[in-house]
Amino acid sequence: MASIADRVKAKAQEIAYTGRITRSRAASARQQPLRPQVLQKPQTSKRKRAIDDEDEDEDEDGDGDGGDNGNSKDKNQPPKKKRAKPRCKFCFRDPQGKEMNKDRYCDYFKIWKENFIECQNCADYRSQNPGNDHKCQPPNVLKVWRKYGVDDPPNYAPPTCDQCLHGKLANQCNVDSILGYGCTLTKACRDGGCTVNGRPLDLRPRPRVNVARWVRTECHVCENKTKKNTATAGCSWLRDRTAWNQACTYCQAHNLTCLSGGHVIANPPRLTLPSSWIVNQKVFDWGFIECRGINPDRRYCKRCREDGHDHCRADANSYAYACNRCAQFGVDCVDNEDDTHYPIFDLARIGIGGFMPFVECTSCTEAGRNCDLQRPCDSCVKHGDECDEWKGDTAKYCIRGRLDPPPGPLYYLALGYGVGGVDDPKDGSAIEHWVGPATNLYGMVRDRQRREVVSTLGVHLRAKMRPPGAPPHGDAAQGGLVLGRASTITRQQIVAWIRAYWPEAHPMNQFAQYQDCVDGAQEQIQSIRTGEAVTGLSLEFWDVDSDGSGIDDDVDVDDETHSNANNSNATSFGNNIRPRVVAIGAGGNRSLAPPVIVSTPASAPALHSSITVASVPTLPAPNPKSPEWLLHFLNESTLTNEVATPQFENPLLSEQGQFNFDFAAPSHRAVTDLHFSPFQALPIDPALDEMDIDMDMDQDQDHDQDQNKDKNLDQDQDQDQVKIKVKDKDLDQDQDLDMDRDLDRDTYSPLLFASYSPAAEADEAAAVDHNPPNQAQAQAQAIAAAPRVPGLDIIQGFNLSSSAESLIPIFFSFVLGQPTFNDVPFYNLLSRVPLEYQHFRVSNDWSCFEPRGDGRCGNPVSMDSICQCASHQGDFTHVCKACAQMSAQALARCVTDAQLFSMRAYLCTDCSTQISGDIDQVYRRRPIGAVNIWGELRNTWCADYEDKLAVDYGKVNFKGDAKPLTGCSCGSKLFTQHLCRNHRLGYGDALFRQVAMLQEWRIHHFGRPICPGCLVDKPAHEANLSLDFAGKSRERGPKAWACLACGDWVINQPHT
């Protein structure tokens, strides 16, 4: 028997030898000795190595803090010595750079990708040494952008590049003449062809949206308007770079959020609340902000991201609220990155706008079911049918997938259904049915799409039927009630919100016209679905987005509030900070429509008090002794070589919009289903039929009279006045005369205008016999009062004779539609000054010829920077921008508010309402001077009907939106056109003298300041007073006037 020791030994041998071991291929490979291998070094470009080296320098210790803290990975080794970032060539080698580096270490840094911004030492050195083309040269870095130095000026001169100088967007040119970077407005500039005074500039950096700007730039709101080709006065950041840390003047004036590099610079202290349920087709009244995925503060929302929508845009007036698309849909708007929820701001926006029309799915169209925006839609899910694939028009206009969480009542109300879903018809029986369109409109057949018509019909239907007053809003700081996610808002909440703003709320089907409106809308929709022509409804002229995406009601248009939603039975305001009156007018002798939405049924309580037109807020009257607002309007950025007619901003006034005359109705022919009743036209003199109906009053007219004129122009602000005499025949050639030489006529001091007071004139009118004086006496008075205009080859009298040319209708020259041949002392003084900048080819000296000190200015100018007055007749005078600005300011300092208002012969309240709202009424007044019309009717018409009226009365020229300052073109011509000093001051003096003469002539001829519009169907002694003399200038309703300087008429203006 084996011992214990033998058994242990045998056991050990058994464990040690177990037989042959079979190894895997991988294990065998691990057992083989390692062979020496030569590692291939990856090839990297010099640029890539430089960037990698720079990245390593930024964080050498690998702890993510961007620095080397000296901690070694091997705890047993001593800490490494911190390595300094390599300096640029100037700071490392140049003696002066070394000295500057001692005070401030070379601080160039990466801004994005392979782009670096130079160090401050190099920027300061270049600014302290003008003309030195110094460059910062960090090691192994190729793209280095310049930045401002310590001695660089805060302003930019010149502010505009050569390519933009005469363009529409001259005020918005972002050329950086300090750093030498071109602008981005024109394709030529973006391609490297930007120049300033002939000097080529470098391409400017184009960083990502989230990179803070360090070169001359606009804020995001103003930049978006520029991208939409909207002419403005220009962002104030373009004029002063020291103001980049605060909101620009445009955003401040309109209560907008101002951003730069995606970061909010400033939010408005108080949001502008909606004032009406009427929604404009162009939703952004003042500007928008593009929400992108890389924005640091707000990214695009999940809904727009998942649907692949190109633009997620928020209204700059309500930046912290839902984007435009989600607001129209009535769905949740949630940030795609951090799940921030953006609530609904304006309940009136739900279901109204260009995003609402969609293509029905095939299954719903074939089965005759109601469809919705989701794909798959509710009806297909309910019936188990296959819905359309996500492609084509479905992917363009619908919602991808099913909404999660499920949509709430707002979503279905937006589509024109009840709160119960697509199978719950909106019949007007519930209070919540006021939200969204009155019926389901938006589902379109695939091959018969008329998106523009359908969306316009929704806006139009809302204007016909809407609650009174302002809609519920979501600004809790101002008592807003609309809170919470859109999907969680209940029917009870919606009803409570409406009743809070409209305590007497009643369902819309209790009003007599409800069914007619709904039936009419459904007839239009059925006509579209069956492919029939749509009658009584014309299309709005849609703008196409810059990316070619087509219809998108996010498109911003010229800073104007566009609304095509008004009709002959509704009087309302647009949904913006400055309410606009929708004028009501009817043709012939028809009475005005009542100012209510619809008639009240006998069974319902009277609602006239709550549905009538909202009152116009009373604005403080302007101070006639303070012309600072006009001087502010004539700043360096406003007056350019081209009249861009910018939106007038006046931060010096207590309330914005007080002097903003540039807010007439849009100049498109957006349509309504108006039906015009025929009326009996007044008889017209047969001689008028021989006139050229296309003849425009705003043109040069030849006159045979020659007269000597004196000239006494202020040559310089610090010089004494110099008397100037001109030749008899060559009135455009000014000749300096000896101060002591006698003149043929008594001289006068220009620009010392006589004060004008409506009250004083009204007192004078009371003392005048109401029987007008005879024509001979009136003519003698007009000739005696005619102003002497120095240096202008024109006359002031406008005598109506038997010739066709002299029969152009002029205010006060026709009574009861018949010419009276009154010698109206009128002439369009500014007819020789073009509204748009005219380009000329000249060959004389290209330097400013304006008087300055003891000589002339002599500043170099571009080839065609000349006085735009046609009276030069080929002997062009070059005028630099600074001199043109000085002459405009000199004129502005002499003009008072009262004198500007004296240019207007106001219509009475009745005529103002009629001519602002009905094209019939405009054409009826064509024989009494309504030839050129500024401002647009709130009620619109079809082109065929306009042609018919033109045959009956003659052509009327609709000029478009009202211009700044005067409403007509006079303000732009006189104050912002490129004119020499002689002509600007001479025209200004003559214009206000003629205005005072005409006001006096009106009193003497008619016995009182009568309304020029009443003369179409009333004798002079029965005509109403102008509304300003009647004490009704502050009453609600549209205002209209005839300009006594040019003869044009301005209509549909909210207030005076």
Foldseek 3Di string as FASTA:
>chain_A
DDDPVVVVVVVVVCVVDPDDDDDDPVVVVVPDDDDDDDDDDDDDDLLVVLVVVQQCLQPVCPPPPRFQPQDDPPNVDGGDDGDDDFAWPCCPPPPVNVVVCVVPNFDWDAQDDLAIEGGQSQQQVPLVPDPDPDDTGTPSRDHYAYFHHPNQDQFDPPLAWPVCQAPLARLAFQQFPRRQEGGDLDPCSQVQNTHHVNHGGGHDDDDDLQGFDRGRDAWQFVVQCSQLVFHFLYWCCSGGVVCPLAATPLCQQAQFFTHGSLHTSDGGPDFQAWKFLQAAQQHALFGKHWADCPRPPAHFFPQCVQLVPPTFICHRRQNQAHTLLCLQQLAWTAGPPPRDTHHHFALSSHQAYLLQAAEFWPVCVVVVFFFAQEVVTPVCVVVVHHTDDCDDRNSHRGTYHADVVHAFQSNQLSQQAGRVDRVHHQPQQDLLNLGHASHHQRHAHPVLDDSQQRSLLRSQRNQLDHFFTGAAGQDVVVPGQRDDGSRPDHPVSSNVRRCVGVVQGGGPVQFDCSVVSVVVSVVQRVCSRVVHDRPLFDGWDADADPVRPGHDSNSDHNSARAHLRDAQQEWEFYTGSATFTAFHAAFDPDDGHAHFSGDGDPVGDDCCVRRGYDFGDFDDDDDQQDLVQVLVCLDLSCFGQWHSLHQRFGPVDPHTPPQGQFHFHFDTQGGGNDDHDDDDAFDADPLQVPAALPDDLLADDDDDDWDWFWAWFDQDPPDDIFTWGDDGPLLQDIDGDDRPDDDPDDDDHFLQDDDDDLVVLQVVLVPADQAFDDQVVLVVLLVVLQDGQHSDGDGQKLFQDSDNVSQQAFFPQFFQNYGPRRGQRHGQLCSQFDNTRDFDADDDDQFAQRRDDPGGDGHGDDRRQWARGCSNVRVTGHHDSVQLSVLLSVSSSSGTPSLLVLQWLWAAQVLQSHCQADVSLLLLCSSNQAAEEAHHHSHGDDPVVQVVSCVVRGHHHDPTTFGGSNRHSVVSRQRRHSHHNRVNSSSSRNQSSQSVSSSVSCCNRRSASFGSSQSNRDGSSPGHHRCVSVVNQSGFDKIKTAGRNSSYIYGRGGGD
